[in-house]
Amino acid sequence: MKTKLAPLAAPLTYVLLGLVLFLRPTAAASFLFTVMGVLLLIYGAVTILTFFLRGGSGFSSQAELVFGIIAAVVGGLLLAHPTFLLDFIFVILGVYILADGLVNLKRGLELRAGGYAGWTATLVTSVISVLLGVFILWRQGHVAEAVLLRVIGASFLYAGVVDLLAIHALGKLLDE
């Protein structure tokens, strides 16, 4: 019985995770980042304790101590503000999209000055990029976060369902 259920574990996990991310993206992200925070905090604490229990000599031990401290700090930040990492990612994404849009806007204006006939397409897409970048930064990624997490959830859901269908088809083929 165990061997028949084992191949179903990963696809069912994908389906469950996909449904949770798709239906409750913010709660799922908060939960996942809280779990990550706890794990990083435990790793950091164990690493720091190990450093002091061993006497803490040598470059390798000091490097481990630094990584332990960083892990503990990041873990603490994730526990204090579970969506900190996601917010940080969206700030970087917003700045990147805004900067890229501004560069392309300048490029579109240069194309217009040079008499290039297709300058309007470049100008329109760059304005859309600038507006998207500003929107992500202004909304601090909350809308984009929900959309992205839903896309990830849908991807997990799709992968899980495809895997389940493939396992079912393979089972039927082997039974024949």
Protein backbone atom coordinates (compact mmCIF):
# COMPACT_ATOMS: atom_id res chain seq x y z
CA MET A 1 0.00 0.00 0.00
CA LYS A 2 2.84 2.39 0.87
CA THR A 3 4.48 1.91 -2.52
CA LYS A 4 1.25 2.76 -4.36
CA LEU A 5 0.77 6.00 -2.41
CA ALA A 6 4.38 7.18 -2.47
CA PRO A 7 4.31 8.50 -6.07
CA LEU A 8 1.19 10.51 -5.20
CA ALA A 9 2.84 12.45 -2.36
CA ALA A 10 4.60 15.10 -4.47
CA PRO A 11 1.70 15.75 -6.91
CA LEU A 12 -0.84 15.98 -4.08
CA THR A 13 1.50 18.37 -2.23
CA TYR A 14 1.74 20.48 -5.39
CA VAL A 15 -2.04 20.54 -5.75
CA LEU A 16 -2.56 21.47 -2.08
CA LEU A 17 0.17 24.15 -2.12
CA GLY A 18 -1.14 25.46 -5.44
CA LEU A 19 -4.69 25.74 -4.11
CA VAL A 20 -3.54 27.53 -0.95
CA LEU A 21 -1.33 29.96 -2.88
CA PHE A 22 -4.06 30.58 -5.44
CA LEU A 23 -6.95 31.02 -3.00
CA ARG A 24 -5.12 32.66 -0.06
CA PRO A 25 -1.89 34.15 -1.45
CA THR A 26 -1.16 36.64 1.33
CA ALA A 27 -1.89 34.21 4.17
CA ALA A 28 0.18 31.52 2.46
CA ALA A 29 3.13 33.87 1.96
CA SER A 30 2.92 35.02 5.56
CA PHE A 31 2.86 31.41 6.78
CA LEU A 32 5.76 30.33 4.53
CA PHE A 33 7.90 33.30 5.54
CA THR A 34 7.11 32.71 9.21
CA VAL A 35 8.25 29.09 8.88
CA MET A 36 11.37 30.28 7.05
CA GLY A 37 11.98 32.82 9.84
CA VAL A 38 11.74 30.15 12.54
CA LEU A 39 14.10 27.84 10.63
CA LEU A 40 16.65 30.62 10.03
CA LEU A 41 16.46 31.70 13.67
CA ILE A 42 17.03 28.13 14.87
CA TYR A 43 19.90 27.66 12.40
CA GLY A 44 21.47 30.94 13.49
CA ALA A 45 21.12 30.16 17.20
CA VAL A 46 22.59 26.67 16.80
CA THR A 47 25.48 28.04 14.73
CA ILE A 48 26.23 30.79 17.24
CA LEU A 49 26.05 28.36 20.19
CA THR A 50 28.28 25.87 18.37
CA PHE A 51 30.84 28.61 17.75
CA PHE A 52 31.08 29.47 21.44
CA LEU A 53 30.99 25.84 22.62
CA ARG A 54 33.91 24.92 20.31
CA GLY A 55 36.02 27.85 21.42
CA GLY A 56 35.57 29.85 18.24
CA SER A 57 39.02 29.75 16.76
CA GLY A 58 39.96 29.74 13.10
CA PHE A 59 38.70 31.54 10.02
CA SER A 60 36.17 28.82 9.19
CA SER A 61 34.55 29.08 12.61
CA GLN A 62 34.42 32.86 12.40
CA ALA A 63 32.79 32.66 8.96
CA GLU A 64 30.20 30.26 10.38
CA LEU A 65 29.56 32.70 13.22
CA VAL A 66 28.94 35.52 10.73
CA PHE A 67 26.53 33.34 8.73
CA GLY A 68 24.82 32.31 11.96
CA ILE A 69 24.35 35.93 13.01
CA ILE A 70 23.04 36.89 9.56
CA ALA A 71 20.64 33.91 9.59
CA ALA A 72 19.40 34.82 13.09
CA VAL A 73 18.86 38.48 12.11
CA VAL A 74 17.03 37.60 8.89
CA GLY A 75 15.01 34.97 10.76
CA GLY A 76 14.07 37.55 13.39
CA LEU A 77 13.05 40.04 10.69
CA LEU A 78 10.91 37.43 8.99
CA LEU A 79 9.22 36.60 12.29
CA ALA A 80 8.63 40.25 13.14
CA HIS A 81 7.41 41.03 9.61
CA PRO A 82 6.71 37.78 7.69
CA THR A 83 6.29 39.47 4.32
CA PHE A 84 9.52 41.50 4.69
CA LEU A 85 11.35 39.44 2.08
CA LEU A 86 8.49 39.64 -0.40
CA ASP A 87 8.15 43.40 0.14
CA PHE A 88 11.90 43.78 -0.42
CA ILE A 89 11.72 41.75 -3.64
CA PHE A 90 8.86 43.89 -4.93
CA VAL A 91 10.69 47.13 -4.12
CA ILE A 92 13.66 45.87 -6.15
CA LEU A 93 11.30 44.75 -8.94
CA GLY A 94 9.50 48.12 -8.94
CA VAL A 95 12.76 50.09 -9.07
CA TYR A 96 14.08 47.88 -11.88
CA ILE A 97 10.90 48.21 -13.98
CA LEU A 98 10.78 51.97 -13.38
CA ALA A 99 14.46 52.45 -14.32
CA ASP A 100 14.13 50.25 -17.40
CA GLY A 101 11.01 52.15 -18.47
CA LEU A 102 12.79 55.50 -18.07
CA VAL A 103 15.77 54.28 -20.14
CA ASN A 104 13.39 53.05 -22.85
CA LEU A 105 11.45 56.32 -22.69
CA LYS A 106 14.67 58.22 -23.41
CA ARG A 107 15.41 55.74 -26.21
CA GLY A 108 11.94 56.31 -27.71
CA LEU A 109 12.44 60.08 -27.68
CA GLU A 110 15.84 59.63 -29.36
CA LEU A 111 14.19 57.45 -32.02
CA ARG A 112 11.60 60.19 -32.61
CA ALA A 113 14.35 62.80 -32.94
CA GLY A 114 16.14 60.51 -35.39
CA GLY A 115 13.05 60.18 -37.56
CA TYR A 116 12.45 56.46 -36.89
CA ALA A 117 8.89 55.53 -37.89
CA GLY A 118 8.33 52.98 -35.07
CA TRP A 119 9.19 55.34 -32.23
CA THR A 120 5.61 55.45 -30.92
CA ALA A 121 5.57 51.73 -30.00
CA THR A 122 8.76 52.18 -27.98
CA LEU A 123 7.35 55.29 -26.34
CA VAL A 124 4.03 53.64 -25.43
CA THR A 125 5.62 50.49 -23.97
CA SER A 126 8.13 52.55 -22.01
CA VAL A 127 5.37 54.74 -20.54
CA ILE A 128 3.50 51.55 -19.54
CA SER A 129 6.71 50.25 -17.88
CA VAL A 130 7.22 53.51 -15.99
CA LEU A 131 3.61 53.49 -14.79
CA LEU A 132 3.88 49.82 -13.76
CA GLY A 133 7.11 50.50 -11.84
CA VAL A 134 5.52 53.48 -10.05
CA PHE A 135 2.41 51.42 -9.31
CA ILE A 136 4.43 48.56 -7.80
CA LEU A 137 6.44 50.99 -5.66
CA TRP A 138 3.40 53.03 -4.65
CA ARG A 139 1.31 50.00 -3.75
CA GLN A 140 4.44 48.41 -2.22
CA GLY A 141 3.79 45.32 -4.28
CA HIS A 142 0.59 44.24 -2.51
CA VAL A 143 -1.42 43.84 -5.69
CA ALA A 144 1.55 42.51 -7.63
CA GLU A 145 2.33 40.17 -4.71
CA ALA A 146 -1.15 38.64 -4.81
CA VAL A 147 -1.03 38.26 -8.59
CA LEU A 148 2.45 36.71 -8.54
CA LEU A 149 1.57 34.31 -5.73
CA ARG A 150 -1.59 33.31 -7.57
CA VAL A 151 0.44 32.63 -10.73
CA ILE A 152 2.87 30.51 -8.69
CA GLY A 153 -0.10 28.75 -7.08
CA ALA A 154 -1.67 28.08 -10.47
CA SER A 155 1.68 26.71 -11.70
CA PHE A 156 1.92 24.33 -8.73
CA LEU A 157 -1.70 23.31 -9.22
CA TYR A 158 -1.13 22.67 -12.93
CA ALA A 159 2.07 20.67 -12.25
CA GLY A 160 0.32 18.59 -9.59
CA VAL A 161 -2.69 17.81 -11.75
CA VAL A 162 -0.48 16.93 -14.75
CA ASP A 163 1.63 14.65 -12.52
CA LEU A 164 -1.50 12.96 -11.13
CA LEU A 165 -2.87 12.42 -14.64
CA ALA A 166 0.48 11.02 -15.80
CA ILE A 167 0.65 8.65 -12.80
CA HIS A 168 -2.93 7.54 -13.48
CA ALA A 169 -2.21 6.95 -17.18
CA LEU A 170 1.01 5.08 -16.36
CA GLY A 171 -0.88 2.93 -13.84
CA LYS A 172 -3.49 2.02 -16.46
CA LEU A 173 -0.75 1.23 -18.96
CA LEU A 174 1.06 -1.04 -16.52
CA ASP A 175 -2.19 -2.81 -15.61
CA GLU A 176 -2.78 -3.74 -19.28
